[in-house]
Amino acid sequence: MKKSLLLASLLSLFLIGCSSTPIVDVSKPAGPSASNDENDLDLASLRDPNNILSKRSIYFDYDKDIVKAEYKDLLAAHAKYIVSHPKAKMTLTGNTDDRGSREYNVSLGQKRSVSVKKSMNVLGAQDGQIETVSFGEERADTNCKDDACYAKDRRVDISYEKE
């Protein structure tokens, strides 16, 4: 069981590192209304709905903490952003659905946020720029009745400090 989990983790990290999709370079905001911090951090690119950086959630399978290959471009874009902006800091917030005990869900949410952090570390992001937190089931939709609803709660959300 542990060997297959390790193999799956290594495979997902390998797939993330093998991305051949180019990441759109982001331009810095101009004009007198932009503050120095905003210029340094290029916050406009984080808010642009046409930029991949505006996408902030990575979803997980039930009871899993392995980052899916479908999120490799998203993780690569956020890792590239944080590498190219040394002053930037992000928080990765792990969430779960409300099935399972509170303690289990807090632990699983933390494992998910750490999994995303490790994937970003492989892509060059520094530990000091990334904080991991778990809300477990605290932000879960308690009215869920089917897996499509529960799936929305199984995620890591990315947020930036000065945003």
C-alpha atoms as a PDB file:
ATOM      1  CA  MET A   1       0.000   0.000   0.000  1.00  0.00           C
ATOM      2  CA  LYS A   2       2.765   2.468   0.981  1.00  0.00           C
ATOM      3  CA  LYS A   3       4.807   1.542  -2.103  1.00  0.00           C
ATOM      4  CA  SER A   4       1.873   2.199  -4.435  1.00  0.00           C
ATOM      5  CA  LEU A   5       1.159   5.538  -2.711  1.00  0.00           C
ATOM      6  CA  LEU A   6       4.825   6.530  -3.004  1.00  0.00           C
ATOM      7  CA  LEU A   7       4.904   5.461  -6.658  1.00  0.00           C
ATOM      8  CA  ALA A   8       1.729   7.432  -7.407  1.00  0.00           C
ATOM      9  CA  SER A   9       3.169  10.518  -5.665  1.00  0.00           C
ATOM     10  CA  LEU A  10       6.422  10.286  -7.570  1.00  0.00           C
ATOM     11  CA  LEU A  11       4.569   9.789 -10.841  1.00  0.00           C
ATOM     12  CA  SER A  12       2.394  12.846 -10.235  1.00  0.00           C
ATOM     13  CA  LEU A  13       5.462  14.962  -9.407  1.00  0.00           C
ATOM     14  CA  PHE A  14       7.149  13.694 -12.571  1.00  0.00           C
ATOM     15  CA  LEU A  15       4.101  14.586 -14.670  1.00  0.00           C
ATOM     16  CA  ILE A  16       4.005  18.059 -13.171  1.00  0.00           C
ATOM     17  CA  GLY A  17       7.669  18.565 -14.019  1.00  0.00           C
ATOM     18  CA  CYS A  18       7.196  17.386 -17.607  1.00  0.00           C
ATOM     19  CA  SER A  19       4.732  20.063 -18.609  1.00  0.00           C
ATOM     20  CA  SER A  20       5.190  21.148 -22.197  1.00  0.00           C
ATOM     21  CA  THR A  21       2.438  23.755 -22.160  1.00  0.00           C
ATOM     22  CA  PRO A  22       3.944  27.244 -22.213  1.00  0.00           C
ATOM     23  CA  ILE A  23       3.015  29.541 -19.367  1.00  0.00           C
ATOM     24  CA  VAL A  24       1.833  32.965 -20.427  1.00  0.00           C
ATOM     25  CA  ASP A  25       4.224  35.667 -19.271  1.00  0.00           C
ATOM     26  CA  VAL A  26       2.468  38.234 -17.140  1.00  0.00           C
ATOM     27  CA  SER A  27       2.975  41.949 -17.648  1.00  0.00           C
ATOM     28  CA  LYS A  28       3.444  44.407 -14.812  1.00  0.00           C
ATOM     29  CA  PRO A  29       0.738  46.983 -14.183  1.00  0.00           C
ATOM     30  CA  ALA A  30       1.655  50.502 -15.189  1.00  0.00           C
ATOM     31  CA  GLY A  31       0.548  53.926 -14.122  1.00  0.00           C
ATOM     32  CA  PRO A  32       0.701  56.149 -11.101  1.00  0.00           C
ATOM     33  CA  SER A  33      -2.159  54.382  -9.287  1.00  0.00           C
ATOM     34  CA  ALA A  34      -0.217  51.150  -8.805  1.00  0.00           C
ATOM     35  CA  SER A  35       1.736  50.962  -5.553  1.00  0.00           C
ATOM     36  CA  ASN A  36       5.344  49.776  -5.382  1.00  0.00           C
ATOM     37  CA  ASP A  37       4.246  46.519  -3.736  1.00  0.00           C
ATOM     38  CA  GLU A  38       1.682  45.958  -6.462  1.00  0.00           C
ATOM     39  CA  ASN A  39       4.309  46.629  -9.142  1.00  0.00           C
ATOM     40  CA  ASP A  40       6.779  44.324  -7.405  1.00  0.00           C
ATOM     41  CA  LEU A  41       4.219  41.547  -7.012  1.00  0.00           C
ATOM     42  CA  ASP A  42       2.293  42.060 -10.269  1.00  0.00           C
ATOM     43  CA  LEU A  43      -1.071  41.612  -8.555  1.00  0.00           C
ATOM     44  CA  ALA A  44      -2.946  42.530 -11.729  1.00  0.00           C
ATOM     45  CA  SER A  45      -1.956  39.213 -13.298  1.00  0.00           C
ATOM     46  CA  LEU A  46      -3.383  37.363 -10.289  1.00  0.00           C
ATOM     47  CA  ARG A  47      -6.720  39.126 -10.737  1.00  0.00           C
ATOM     48  CA  ASP A  48      -6.968  38.855 -14.537  1.00  0.00           C
ATOM     49  CA  PRO A  49      -9.714  36.279 -15.262  1.00  0.00           C
ATOM     50  CA  ASN A  50      -8.006  35.460 -18.584  1.00  0.00           C
ATOM     51  CA  ASN A  51      -4.783  34.480 -16.824  1.00  0.00           C
ATOM     52  CA  ILE A  52      -4.283  30.962 -15.449  1.00  0.00           C
ATOM     53  CA  LEU A  53      -3.107  32.567 -12.184  1.00  0.00           C
ATOM     54  CA  SER A  54      -6.698  33.605 -11.444  1.00  0.00           C
ATOM     55  CA  LYS A  55      -7.569  29.918 -11.023  1.00  0.00           C
ATOM     56  CA  ARG A  56      -6.945  29.076  -7.388  1.00  0.00           C
ATOM     57  CA  SER A  57      -8.357  25.632  -6.543  1.00  0.00           C
ATOM     58  CA  ILE A  58      -6.870  22.156  -6.923  1.00  0.00           C
ATOM     59  CA  TYR A  59      -9.430  19.378  -6.450  1.00  0.00           C
ATOM     60  CA  PHE A  60      -8.772  15.900  -5.050  1.00  0.00           C
ATOM     61  CA  ASP A  61     -10.345  12.479  -5.243  1.00  0.00           C
ATOM     62  CA  TYR A  62     -12.228  11.129  -2.240  1.00  0.00           C
ATOM     63  CA  ASP A  63      -9.929  10.352   0.697  1.00  0.00           C
ATOM     64  CA  LYS A  64      -6.803  11.208  -1.376  1.00  0.00           C
ATOM     65  CA  ASP A  65      -4.029  13.777  -1.112  1.00  0.00           C
ATOM     66  CA  ILE A  66      -2.320  13.130  -4.451  1.00  0.00           C
ATOM     67  CA  VAL A  67      -2.270  16.070  -6.881  1.00  0.00           C
ATOM     68  CA  LYS A  68      -3.898  15.042 -10.148  1.00  0.00           C
ATOM     69  CA  ALA A  69      -2.001  15.467 -13.433  1.00  0.00           C
ATOM     70  CA  GLU A  70      -4.755  17.743 -14.757  1.00  0.00           C
ATOM     71  CA  TYR A  71      -3.484  20.471 -12.397  1.00  0.00           C
ATOM     72  CA  LYS A  72       0.149  20.425 -13.582  1.00  0.00           C
ATOM     73  CA  ASP A  73      -0.206  23.600 -15.687  1.00  0.00           C
ATOM     74  CA  LEU A  74      -1.952  25.465 -12.881  1.00  0.00           C
ATOM     75  CA  LEU A  75       0.701  24.478 -10.333  1.00  0.00           C
ATOM     76  CA  ALA A  76       3.486  25.307 -12.781  1.00  0.00           C
ATOM     77  CA  ALA A  77       2.032  28.779 -13.376  1.00  0.00           C
ATOM     78  CA  HIS A  78       1.736  29.545  -9.658  1.00  0.00           C
ATOM     79  CA  ALA A  79       5.207  28.139  -8.982  1.00  0.00           C
ATOM     80  CA  LYS A  80       6.667  30.247 -11.791  1.00  0.00           C
ATOM     81  CA  TYR A  81       4.913  33.325 -10.414  1.00  0.00           C
ATOM     82  CA  ILE A  82       6.226  32.841  -6.889  1.00  0.00           C
ATOM     83  CA  VAL A  83       9.755  32.049  -8.120  1.00  0.00           C
ATOM     84  CA  SER A  84       9.807  35.215 -10.224  1.00  0.00           C
ATOM     85  CA  HIS A  85       8.388  37.334  -7.365  1.00  0.00           C
ATOM     86  CA  PRO A  86      10.616  36.672  -4.314  1.00  0.00           C
ATOM     87  CA  LYS A  87       8.513  39.017  -2.132  1.00  0.00           C
ATOM     88  CA  ALA A  88       5.327  37.074  -2.840  1.00  0.00           C
ATOM     89  CA  LYS A  89       3.883  34.795  -0.182  1.00  0.00           C
ATOM     90  CA  MET A  90       1.049  32.340  -0.636  1.00  0.00           C
ATOM     91  CA  THR A  91      -1.155  30.277   1.623  1.00  0.00           C
ATOM     92  CA  LEU A  92      -2.352  26.834   0.586  1.00  0.00           C
ATOM     93  CA  THR A  93      -5.574  25.996   2.408  1.00  0.00           C
ATOM     94  CA  GLY A  94      -6.571  22.342   2.547  1.00  0.00           C
ATOM     95  CA  ASN A  95     -10.262  21.445   2.696  1.00  0.00           C
ATOM     96  CA  THR A  96     -12.323  18.264   2.891  1.00  0.00           C
ATOM     97  CA  ASP A  97     -15.950  17.264   2.656  1.00  0.00           C
ATOM     98  CA  ASP A  98     -17.763  16.659   5.937  1.00  0.00           C
ATOM     99  CA  ARG A  99     -17.558  12.870   5.874  1.00  0.00           C
ATOM    100  CA  GLY A 100     -15.143  11.446   8.427  1.00  0.00           C
ATOM    101  CA  SER A 101     -14.175  12.663  11.875  1.00  0.00           C
ATOM    102  CA  ARG A 102     -13.133  16.250  12.485  1.00  0.00           C
ATOM    103  CA  GLU A 103      -9.595  15.167  13.395  1.00  0.00           C
ATOM    104  CA  TYR A 104      -9.261  12.984  10.321  1.00  0.00           C
ATOM    105  CA  ASN A 105     -10.479  15.778   8.050  1.00  0.00           C
ATOM    106  CA  VAL A 106      -8.089  18.358   9.523  1.00  0.00           C
ATOM    107  CA  SER A 107      -5.246  15.887   8.952  1.00  0.00           C
ATOM    108  CA  LEU A 108      -6.355  15.125   5.384  1.00  0.00           C
ATOM    109  CA  GLY A 109      -6.720  18.827   4.580  1.00  0.00           C
ATOM    110  CA  GLN A 110      -3.175  19.401   5.833  1.00  0.00           C
ATOM    111  CA  LYS A 111      -1.840  16.484   3.780  1.00  0.00           C
ATOM    112  CA  ARG A 112      -3.490  17.978   0.685  1.00  0.00           C
ATOM    113  CA  SER A 113      -1.970  21.421   1.246  1.00  0.00           C
ATOM    114  CA  VAL A 114       1.471  19.906   1.876  1.00  0.00           C
ATOM    115  CA  SER A 115       1.140  17.804  -1.283  1.00  0.00           C
ATOM    116  CA  VAL A 116       0.520  20.950  -3.343  1.00  0.00           C
ATOM    117  CA  LYS A 117       3.433  22.702  -1.598  1.00  0.00           C
ATOM    118  CA  LYS A 118       5.804  19.825  -2.383  1.00  0.00           C
ATOM    119  CA  SER A 119       4.732  19.910  -6.019  1.00  0.00           C
ATOM    120  CA  MET A 120       5.525  23.620  -6.134  1.00  0.00           C
ATOM    121  CA  ASN A 121       8.854  23.041  -4.365  1.00  0.00           C
ATOM    122  CA  VAL A 122       9.833  20.603  -7.115  1.00  0.00           C
ATOM    123  CA  LEU A 123       9.129  23.424  -9.575  1.00  0.00           C
ATOM    124  CA  GLY A 124      11.430  25.822  -7.707  1.00  0.00           C
ATOM    125  CA  ALA A 125       9.147  27.556  -5.188  1.00  0.00           C
ATOM    126  CA  GLN A 126      10.814  28.256  -1.843  1.00  0.00           C
ATOM    127  CA  ASP A 127       9.444  26.927   1.469  1.00  0.00           C
ATOM    128  CA  GLY A 128       9.583  30.382   3.044  1.00  0.00           C
ATOM    129  CA  GLN A 129       7.112  31.746   0.501  1.00  0.00           C
ATOM    130  CA  ILE A 130       4.444  29.087   1.083  1.00  0.00           C
ATOM    131  CA  GLU A 131       2.358  28.481   4.184  1.00  0.00           C
ATOM    132  CA  THR A 132       0.110  25.442   4.529  1.00  0.00           C
ATOM    133  CA  VAL A 133      -3.116  25.446   6.542  1.00  0.00           C
ATOM    134  CA  SER A 134      -5.990  23.026   6.954  1.00  0.00           C
ATOM    135  CA  PHE A 135      -9.607  23.929   7.557  1.00  0.00           C
ATOM    136  CA  GLY A 136     -10.651  20.291   7.261  1.00  0.00           C
ATOM    137  CA  GLU A 137     -14.437  20.217   6.966  1.00  0.00           C
ATOM    138  CA  GLU A 138     -14.992  23.743   8.378  1.00  0.00           C
ATOM    139  CA  ARG A 139     -15.819  25.194   4.947  1.00  0.00           C
ATOM    140  CA  ALA A 140     -17.722  22.165   3.654  1.00  0.00           C
ATOM    141  CA  ASP A 141     -21.237  22.350   2.243  1.00  0.00           C
ATOM    142  CA  THR A 142     -23.230  20.500   4.908  1.00  0.00           C
ATOM    143  CA  ASN A 143     -26.195  20.038   2.555  1.00  0.00           C
ATOM    144  CA  CYS A 144     -24.381  17.663   0.185  1.00  0.00           C
ATOM    145  CA  LYS A 145     -26.223  14.519  -0.832  1.00  0.00           C
ATOM    146  CA  ASP A 146     -24.106  13.255  -3.748  1.00  0.00           C
ATOM    147  CA  ASP A 147     -20.473  12.969  -4.802  1.00  0.00           C
ATOM    148  CA  ALA A 148     -20.651  15.889  -7.251  1.00  0.00           C
ATOM    149  CA  CYS A 149     -21.419  18.165  -4.317  1.00  0.00           C
ATOM    150  CA  TYR A 150     -18.829  16.560  -2.006  1.00  0.00           C
ATOM    151  CA  ALA A 151     -16.176  16.878  -4.751  1.00  0.00           C
ATOM    152  CA  LYS A 152     -16.352  20.684  -4.552  1.00  0.00           C
ATOM    153  CA  ASP A 153     -15.211  20.524  -0.914  1.00  0.00           C
ATOM    154  CA  ARG A 154     -12.163  18.286  -1.583  1.00  0.00           C
ATOM    155  CA  ARG A 155      -9.666  20.971  -2.557  1.00  0.00           C
ATOM    156  CA  VAL A 156      -6.690  23.187  -1.806  1.00  0.00           C
ATOM    157  CA  ASP A 157      -7.250  26.900  -2.307  1.00  0.00           C
ATOM    158  CA  ILE A 158      -4.354  29.222  -3.204  1.00  0.00           C
ATOM    159  CA  SER A 159      -4.304  32.762  -1.854  1.00  0.00           C
ATOM    160  CA  TYR A 160      -1.634  35.451  -1.914  1.00  0.00           C
ATOM    161  CA  GLU A 161      -0.693  37.605   1.060  1.00  0.00           C
ATOM    162  CA  LYS A 162      -1.017  41.149  -0.374  1.00  0.00           C
ATOM    163  CA  GLU A 163      -3.980  40.471  -2.595  1.00  0.00           C
END
